[in-house]
Amino acid sequence: MIFQKKYGVLIVIFFALASCTLLPSVQDESDKTYELNTLPLTALKKSTHPKILLVTQPQESPMNGTTRMVYTKTPYQVAYFTNNRWVEKPTSMLRKLIIQSLQNTGYFQAVISPMVAGHADLMLNTQLLELRQDFSKYPSQVRLVMAAQLIEMMDNTIIAAREFSVNEIAPQESPYGGVVAANRAVAEMLKQLVSFCTEG
């Protein structure tokens, strides 16, 4: 009888200790969502372009057509974090950032999206080709690849086309480190994209 009481007390203590040690890991496994929201530092253009630029919704690759965050550990591998994801599809966040970055230059008469009715002189088409955190190298890095076309609306002529590729080292080996690197990569890509659209 005494043995049973002692055994019961030990069981209670064991589960109490186990619950204390398990709680932090349960909390760590909760879903986390992140956003791309970093704009480049762009100066106002001295000259202006009296045209309206239409920025279409960026197209997406099958790999990035989701809110799930992509990573790779070995060449040719595509994997997704389980408990870490973007608050929106990357292309949706990028469209807003592209429009805001171009508006901040003051170069165009207006920068609009397809949701705004009205005439446009130029159209910017973009495609997100790759956004992933690569753990096959140390430190890990985020690779962002986007393609862009600037089109004259009057005759549907492609004025310019370019592919942008940016790699940013993650400050830590974690999904959050990838988020920080991704925001830095986006800011650099937007800086290059702004120059692409306004250099003419």
C-alpha atoms as a PDB file:
ATOM      1  CA  MET A   1       0.000   0.000   0.000  1.00  0.00           C
ATOM      2  CA  ILE A   2       2.827   2.356   0.923  1.00  0.00           C
ATOM      3  CA  PHE A   3       4.586   1.362  -2.292  1.00  0.00           C
ATOM      4  CA  GLN A   4       1.468   2.213  -4.327  1.00  0.00           C
ATOM      5  CA  LYS A   5       1.223   5.662  -2.684  1.00  0.00           C
ATOM      6  CA  LYS A   6       4.892   6.386  -3.377  1.00  0.00           C
ATOM      7  CA  TYR A   7       4.456   5.125  -6.935  1.00  0.00           C
ATOM      8  CA  GLY A   8       1.435   7.386  -7.415  1.00  0.00           C
ATOM      9  CA  VAL A   9       3.344  10.411  -6.094  1.00  0.00           C
ATOM     10  CA  LEU A  10       6.220   9.688  -8.475  1.00  0.00           C
ATOM     11  CA  ILE A  11       3.803   9.524 -11.411  1.00  0.00           C
ATOM     12  CA  VAL A  12       2.302  12.904 -10.480  1.00  0.00           C
ATOM     13  CA  ILE A  13       5.775  14.470 -10.165  1.00  0.00           C
ATOM     14  CA  PHE A  14       6.859  12.954 -13.495  1.00  0.00           C
ATOM     15  CA  PHE A  15       3.882  14.363 -15.378  1.00  0.00           C
ATOM     16  CA  ALA A  16       4.254  17.736 -13.682  1.00  0.00           C
ATOM     17  CA  LEU A  17       7.897  17.940 -14.763  1.00  0.00           C
ATOM     18  CA  ALA A  18       7.031  16.683 -18.236  1.00  0.00           C
ATOM     19  CA  SER A  19       4.361  19.329 -18.677  1.00  0.00           C
ATOM     20  CA  CYS A  20       6.831  22.033 -17.647  1.00  0.00           C
ATOM     21  CA  THR A  21       9.373  20.900 -20.201  1.00  0.00           C
ATOM     22  CA  LEU A  22       6.835  20.378 -22.988  1.00  0.00           C
ATOM     23  CA  LEU A  23       5.066  23.742 -22.749  1.00  0.00           C
ATOM     24  CA  PRO A  24       7.813  25.827 -24.400  1.00  0.00           C
ATOM     25  CA  SER A  25       8.074  23.465 -27.382  1.00  0.00           C
ATOM     26  CA  VAL A  26       4.294  23.512 -27.858  1.00  0.00           C
ATOM     27  CA  GLN A  27       4.379  27.314 -27.871  1.00  0.00           C
ATOM     28  CA  ASP A  28       7.290  27.304 -30.341  1.00  0.00           C
ATOM     29  CA  GLU A  29       5.274  25.162 -32.737  1.00  0.00           C
ATOM     30  CA  SER A  30       2.423  27.644 -33.051  1.00  0.00           C
ATOM     31  CA  ASP A  31       1.863  29.068 -36.527  1.00  0.00           C
ATOM     32  CA  LYS A  32       3.782  32.232 -37.369  1.00  0.00           C
ATOM     33  CA  THR A  33       3.009  34.578 -40.242  1.00  0.00           C
ATOM     34  CA  TYR A  34       5.322  37.152 -41.799  1.00  0.00           C
ATOM     35  CA  GLU A  35       5.134  39.892 -44.396  1.00  0.00           C
ATOM     36  CA  LEU A  36       7.255  41.528 -47.034  1.00  0.00           C
ATOM     37  CA  ASN A  37       7.053  45.244 -46.325  1.00  0.00           C
ATOM     38  CA  THR A  38      10.482  46.816 -46.882  1.00  0.00           C
ATOM     39  CA  LEU A  39      10.709  49.654 -49.393  1.00  0.00           C
ATOM     40  CA  PRO A  40      13.956  50.889 -50.944  1.00  0.00           C
ATOM     41  CA  LEU A  41      15.348  54.334 -50.269  1.00  0.00           C
ATOM     42  CA  THR A  42      14.491  56.144 -53.498  1.00  0.00           C
ATOM     43  CA  ALA A  43      15.058  59.825 -54.191  1.00  0.00           C
ATOM     44  CA  LEU A  44      12.552  61.939 -56.078  1.00  0.00           C
ATOM     45  CA  LYS A  45      13.390  62.125 -59.763  1.00  0.00           C
ATOM     46  CA  LYS A  46      14.418  65.589 -60.956  1.00  0.00           C
ATOM     47  CA  SER A  47      12.723  65.046 -64.299  1.00  0.00           C
ATOM     48  CA  THR A  48       9.171  63.746 -64.607  1.00  0.00           C
ATOM     49  CA  HIS A  49       7.422  61.602 -67.180  1.00  0.00           C
ATOM     50  CA  PRO A  50       3.879  62.829 -67.980  1.00  0.00           C
ATOM     51  CA  LYS A  51       2.547  59.312 -68.436  1.00  0.00           C
ATOM     52  CA  ILE A  52       0.407  56.931 -66.427  1.00  0.00           C
ATOM     53  CA  LEU A  53       1.957  53.572 -65.543  1.00  0.00           C
ATOM     54  CA  LEU A  54      -0.229  50.527 -65.001  1.00  0.00           C
ATOM     55  CA  VAL A  55       1.319  47.896 -62.695  1.00  0.00           C
ATOM     56  CA  THR A  56      -0.278  44.502 -63.254  1.00  0.00           C
ATOM     57  CA  GLN A  57      -0.482  41.714 -60.697  1.00  0.00           C
ATOM     58  CA  PRO A  58       2.854  39.851 -60.739  1.00  0.00           C
ATOM     59  CA  GLN A  59       2.630  36.355 -62.167  1.00  0.00           C
ATOM     60  CA  GLU A  60       3.879  33.578 -59.933  1.00  0.00           C
ATOM     61  CA  SER A  61       5.789  30.370 -60.398  1.00  0.00           C
ATOM     62  CA  PRO A  62       4.108  27.162 -59.150  1.00  0.00           C
ATOM     63  CA  MET A  63       6.713  27.038 -56.370  1.00  0.00           C
ATOM     64  CA  ASN A  64       5.696  30.431 -54.963  1.00  0.00           C
ATOM     65  CA  GLY A  65       1.990  30.385 -55.757  1.00  0.00           C
ATOM     66  CA  THR A  66       1.110  29.916 -52.088  1.00  0.00           C
ATOM     67  CA  THR A  67       1.519  31.568 -48.687  1.00  0.00           C
ATOM     68  CA  ARG A  68       3.834  28.708 -47.658  1.00  0.00           C
ATOM     69  CA  MET A  69       7.497  29.677 -47.254  1.00  0.00           C
ATOM     70  CA  VAL A  70       9.905  27.802 -49.519  1.00  0.00           C
ATOM     71  CA  TYR A  71      13.297  26.446 -48.523  1.00  0.00           C
ATOM     72  CA  THR A  72      15.830  23.965 -49.804  1.00  0.00           C
ATOM     73  CA  LYS A  73      18.534  21.870 -48.132  1.00  0.00           C
ATOM     74  CA  THR A  74      19.940  20.051 -51.146  1.00  0.00           C
ATOM     75  CA  PRO A  75      20.151  20.955 -54.847  1.00  0.00           C
ATOM     76  CA  TYR A  76      16.900  20.513 -56.826  1.00  0.00           C
ATOM     77  CA  GLN A  77      14.858  20.142 -53.620  1.00  0.00           C
ATOM     78  CA  VAL A  78      11.764  22.212 -52.882  1.00  0.00           C
ATOM     79  CA  ALA A  79      10.319  22.087 -49.374  1.00  0.00           C
ATOM     80  CA  TYR A  80       7.980  24.215 -47.270  1.00  0.00           C
ATOM     81  CA  PHE A  81       8.125  25.218 -43.616  1.00  0.00           C
ATOM     82  CA  THR A  82       5.291  23.680 -41.648  1.00  0.00           C
ATOM     83  CA  ASN A  83       4.512  26.385 -39.086  1.00  0.00           C
ATOM     84  CA  ASN A  84       5.862  29.484 -40.822  1.00  0.00           C
ATOM     85  CA  ARG A  85       4.095  31.186 -43.713  1.00  0.00           C
ATOM     86  CA  TRP A  86       3.536  34.527 -45.431  1.00  0.00           C
ATOM     87  CA  VAL A  87       0.490  36.555 -44.430  1.00  0.00           C
ATOM     88  CA  GLU A  88      -0.373  36.822 -48.148  1.00  0.00           C
ATOM     89  CA  LYS A  89       0.992  35.314 -51.332  1.00  0.00           C
ATOM     90  CA  PRO A  90       4.377  36.941 -52.063  1.00  0.00           C
ATOM     91  CA  THR A  91       3.065  38.276 -55.383  1.00  0.00           C
ATOM     92  CA  SER A  92       0.238  40.137 -53.635  1.00  0.00           C
ATOM     93  CA  MET A  93       2.669  41.806 -51.226  1.00  0.00           C
ATOM     94  CA  LEU A  94       5.117  42.569 -54.039  1.00  0.00           C
ATOM     95  CA  ARG A  95       2.469  44.307 -56.164  1.00  0.00           C
ATOM     96  CA  LYS A  96       1.758  46.796 -53.386  1.00  0.00           C
ATOM     97  CA  LEU A  97       5.460  47.411 -52.808  1.00  0.00           C
ATOM     98  CA  ILE A  98       6.164  47.893 -56.519  1.00  0.00           C
ATOM     99  CA  ILE A  99       3.373  50.466 -56.849  1.00  0.00           C
ATOM    100  CA  GLN A 100       4.415  52.344 -53.716  1.00  0.00           C
ATOM    101  CA  SER A 101       8.107  52.367 -54.703  1.00  0.00           C
ATOM    102  CA  LEU A 102       7.310  53.807 -58.131  1.00  0.00           C
ATOM    103  CA  GLN A 103       4.876  56.343 -56.677  1.00  0.00           C
ATOM    104  CA  ASN A 104       7.556  57.527 -54.254  1.00  0.00           C
ATOM    105  CA  THR A 105       9.807  58.604 -57.134  1.00  0.00           C
ATOM    106  CA  GLY A 106       7.307  61.165 -58.431  1.00  0.00           C
ATOM    107  CA  TYR A 107       8.520  60.283 -61.923  1.00  0.00           C
ATOM    108  CA  PHE A 108       5.188  59.261 -63.457  1.00  0.00           C
ATOM    109  CA  GLN A 109       1.994  61.285 -63.591  1.00  0.00           C
ATOM    110  CA  ALA A 110       0.340  58.365 -61.837  1.00  0.00           C
ATOM    111  CA  VAL A 111       1.055  54.742 -60.952  1.00  0.00           C
ATOM    112  CA  ILE A 112      -2.096  52.643 -60.888  1.00  0.00           C
ATOM    113  CA  SER A 113      -3.239  49.031 -60.513  1.00  0.00           C
ATOM    114  CA  PRO A 114      -5.767  47.144 -62.693  1.00  0.00           C
ATOM    115  CA  MET A 115      -8.357  47.737 -59.979  1.00  0.00           C
ATOM    116  CA  VAL A 116      -8.325  51.469 -60.838  1.00  0.00           C
ATOM    117  CA  ALA A 117     -10.312  52.274 -63.967  1.00  0.00           C
ATOM    118  CA  GLY A 118      -8.805  54.675 -66.441  1.00  0.00           C
ATOM    119  CA  HIS A 119      -6.345  55.221 -69.247  1.00  0.00           C
ATOM    120  CA  ALA A 120      -2.707  54.118 -68.978  1.00  0.00           C
ATOM    121  CA  ASP A 121       0.213  54.885 -71.291  1.00  0.00           C
ATOM    122  CA  LEU A 122       2.654  52.239 -70.051  1.00  0.00           C
ATOM    123  CA  MET A 123       2.235  48.826 -68.457  1.00  0.00           C
ATOM    124  CA  LEU A 124       4.654  47.015 -66.164  1.00  0.00           C
ATOM    125  CA  ASN A 125       4.365  43.226 -66.184  1.00  0.00           C
ATOM    126  CA  THR A 126       6.375  41.233 -63.658  1.00  0.00           C
ATOM    127  CA  GLN A 127       6.821  37.590 -62.752  1.00  0.00           C
ATOM    128  CA  LEU A 128       8.137  36.114 -59.516  1.00  0.00           C
ATOM    129  CA  LEU A 129      10.378  33.287 -60.670  1.00  0.00           C
ATOM    130  CA  GLU A 130      11.934  32.311 -57.348  1.00  0.00           C
ATOM    131  CA  LEU A 131      11.801  33.207 -53.670  1.00  0.00           C
ATOM    132  CA  ARG A 132      13.359  30.635 -51.367  1.00  0.00           C
ATOM    133  CA  GLN A 133      15.749  30.205 -48.461  1.00  0.00           C
ATOM    134  CA  ASP A 134      18.730  28.007 -49.355  1.00  0.00           C
ATOM    135  CA  PHE A 135      20.239  25.992 -46.488  1.00  0.00           C
ATOM    136  CA  SER A 136      22.605  24.051 -48.749  1.00  0.00           C
ATOM    137  CA  LYS A 137      25.174  26.780 -48.078  1.00  0.00           C
ATOM    138  CA  TYR A 138      26.313  28.256 -44.792  1.00  0.00           C
ATOM    139  CA  PRO A 139      25.220  30.782 -43.853  1.00  0.00           C
ATOM    140  CA  SER A 140      21.891  30.238 -45.543  1.00  0.00           C
ATOM    141  CA  GLN A 141      20.739  32.807 -48.049  1.00  0.00           C
ATOM    142  CA  VAL A 142      17.548  33.926 -49.713  1.00  0.00           C
ATOM    143  CA  ARG A 143      17.399  33.995 -53.496  1.00  0.00           C
ATOM    144  CA  LEU A 144      14.884  36.294 -55.187  1.00  0.00           C
ATOM    145  CA  VAL A 145      14.451  36.247 -58.961  1.00  0.00           C
ATOM    146  CA  MET A 146      11.954  38.409 -60.840  1.00  0.00           C
ATOM    147  CA  ALA A 147      11.405  39.216 -64.501  1.00  0.00           C
ATOM    148  CA  ALA A 148       9.937  42.497 -65.757  1.00  0.00           C
ATOM    149  CA  GLN A 149       8.594  43.916 -69.015  1.00  0.00           C
ATOM    150  CA  LEU A 150       7.758  47.559 -69.709  1.00  0.00           C
ATOM    151  CA  ILE A 151       5.149  47.860 -72.453  1.00  0.00           C
ATOM    152  CA  GLU A 152       3.882  50.798 -74.518  1.00  0.00           C
ATOM    153  CA  MET A 153       0.104  50.467 -74.316  1.00  0.00           C
ATOM    154  CA  MET A 154      -0.731  52.301 -77.550  1.00  0.00           C
ATOM    155  CA  ASP A 155       0.794  49.654 -79.811  1.00  0.00           C
ATOM    156  CA  ASN A 156       1.530  46.900 -77.254  1.00  0.00           C
ATOM    157  CA  THR A 157       5.274  47.178 -77.882  1.00  0.00           C
ATOM    158  CA  ILE A 158       7.805  45.873 -75.366  1.00  0.00           C
ATOM    159  CA  ILE A 159      10.065  48.843 -74.560  1.00  0.00           C
ATOM    160  CA  ALA A 160      12.388  46.983 -72.220  1.00  0.00           C
ATOM    161  CA  ALA A 161      12.726  43.604 -70.505  1.00  0.00           C
ATOM    162  CA  ARG A 162      15.025  42.464 -67.730  1.00  0.00           C
ATOM    163  CA  GLU A 163      15.514  39.736 -65.145  1.00  0.00           C
ATOM    164  CA  PHE A 164      16.525  40.692 -61.616  1.00  0.00           C
ATOM    165  CA  SER A 165      18.377  38.288 -59.339  1.00  0.00           C
ATOM    166  CA  VAL A 166      19.245  39.115 -55.731  1.00  0.00           C
ATOM    167  CA  ASN A 167      20.881  36.957 -53.036  1.00  0.00           C
ATOM    168  CA  GLU A 168      20.854  38.010 -49.388  1.00  0.00           C
ATOM    169  CA  ILE A 169      22.546  36.193 -46.501  1.00  0.00           C
ATOM    170  CA  ALA A 170      20.215  35.285 -43.624  1.00  0.00           C
ATOM    171  CA  PRO A 171      21.279  36.711 -40.234  1.00  0.00           C
ATOM    172  CA  GLN A 172      20.311  33.434 -38.540  1.00  0.00           C
ATOM    173  CA  GLU A 173      19.621  29.850 -39.572  1.00  0.00           C
ATOM    174  CA  SER A 174      15.861  29.924 -39.112  1.00  0.00           C
ATOM    175  CA  PRO A 175      12.668  30.806 -40.973  1.00  0.00           C
ATOM    176  CA  TYR A 176      12.749  34.256 -39.358  1.00  0.00           C
ATOM    177  CA  GLY A 177      16.307  34.743 -40.576  1.00  0.00           C
ATOM    178  CA  GLY A 178      14.948  33.992 -44.040  1.00  0.00           C
ATOM    179  CA  VAL A 179      12.206  36.586 -43.604  1.00  0.00           C
ATOM    180  CA  VAL A 180      14.771  39.266 -42.724  1.00  0.00           C
ATOM    181  CA  ALA A 181      16.907  38.317 -45.723  1.00  0.00           C
ATOM    182  CA  ALA A 182      13.840  38.208 -47.990  1.00  0.00           C
ATOM    183  CA  ASN A 183      12.871  41.755 -47.015  1.00  0.00           C
ATOM    184  CA  ARG A 184      16.399  42.946 -47.748  1.00  0.00           C
ATOM    185  CA  ALA A 185      16.328  41.161 -51.105  1.00  0.00           C
ATOM    186  CA  VAL A 186      12.963  42.718 -51.957  1.00  0.00           C
ATOM    187  CA  ALA A 187      14.234  46.221 -51.134  1.00  0.00           C
ATOM    188  CA  GLU A 188      17.258  45.714 -53.399  1.00  0.00           C
ATOM    189  CA  MET A 189      15.141  44.261 -56.193  1.00  0.00           C
ATOM    190  CA  LEU A 190      12.688  47.178 -55.955  1.00  0.00           C
ATOM    191  CA  LYS A 191      15.571  49.631 -56.170  1.00  0.00           C
ATOM    192  CA  GLN A 192      16.731  47.987 -59.390  1.00  0.00           C
ATOM    193  CA  LEU A 193      13.177  47.794 -60.730  1.00  0.00           C
ATOM    194  CA  VAL A 194      12.600  51.501 -60.095  1.00  0.00           C
ATOM    195  CA  SER A 195      15.758  52.333 -62.050  1.00  0.00           C
ATOM    196  CA  PHE A 196      14.604  50.011 -64.845  1.00  0.00           C
ATOM    197  CA  CYS A 197      11.264  51.824 -65.106  1.00  0.00           C
ATOM    198  CA  THR A 198      12.588  55.374 -64.823  1.00  0.00           C
ATOM    199  CA  GLU A 199      15.967  55.300 -66.575  1.00  0.00           C
ATOM    200  CA  GLY A 200      14.349  56.223 -69.908  1.00  0.00           C
END
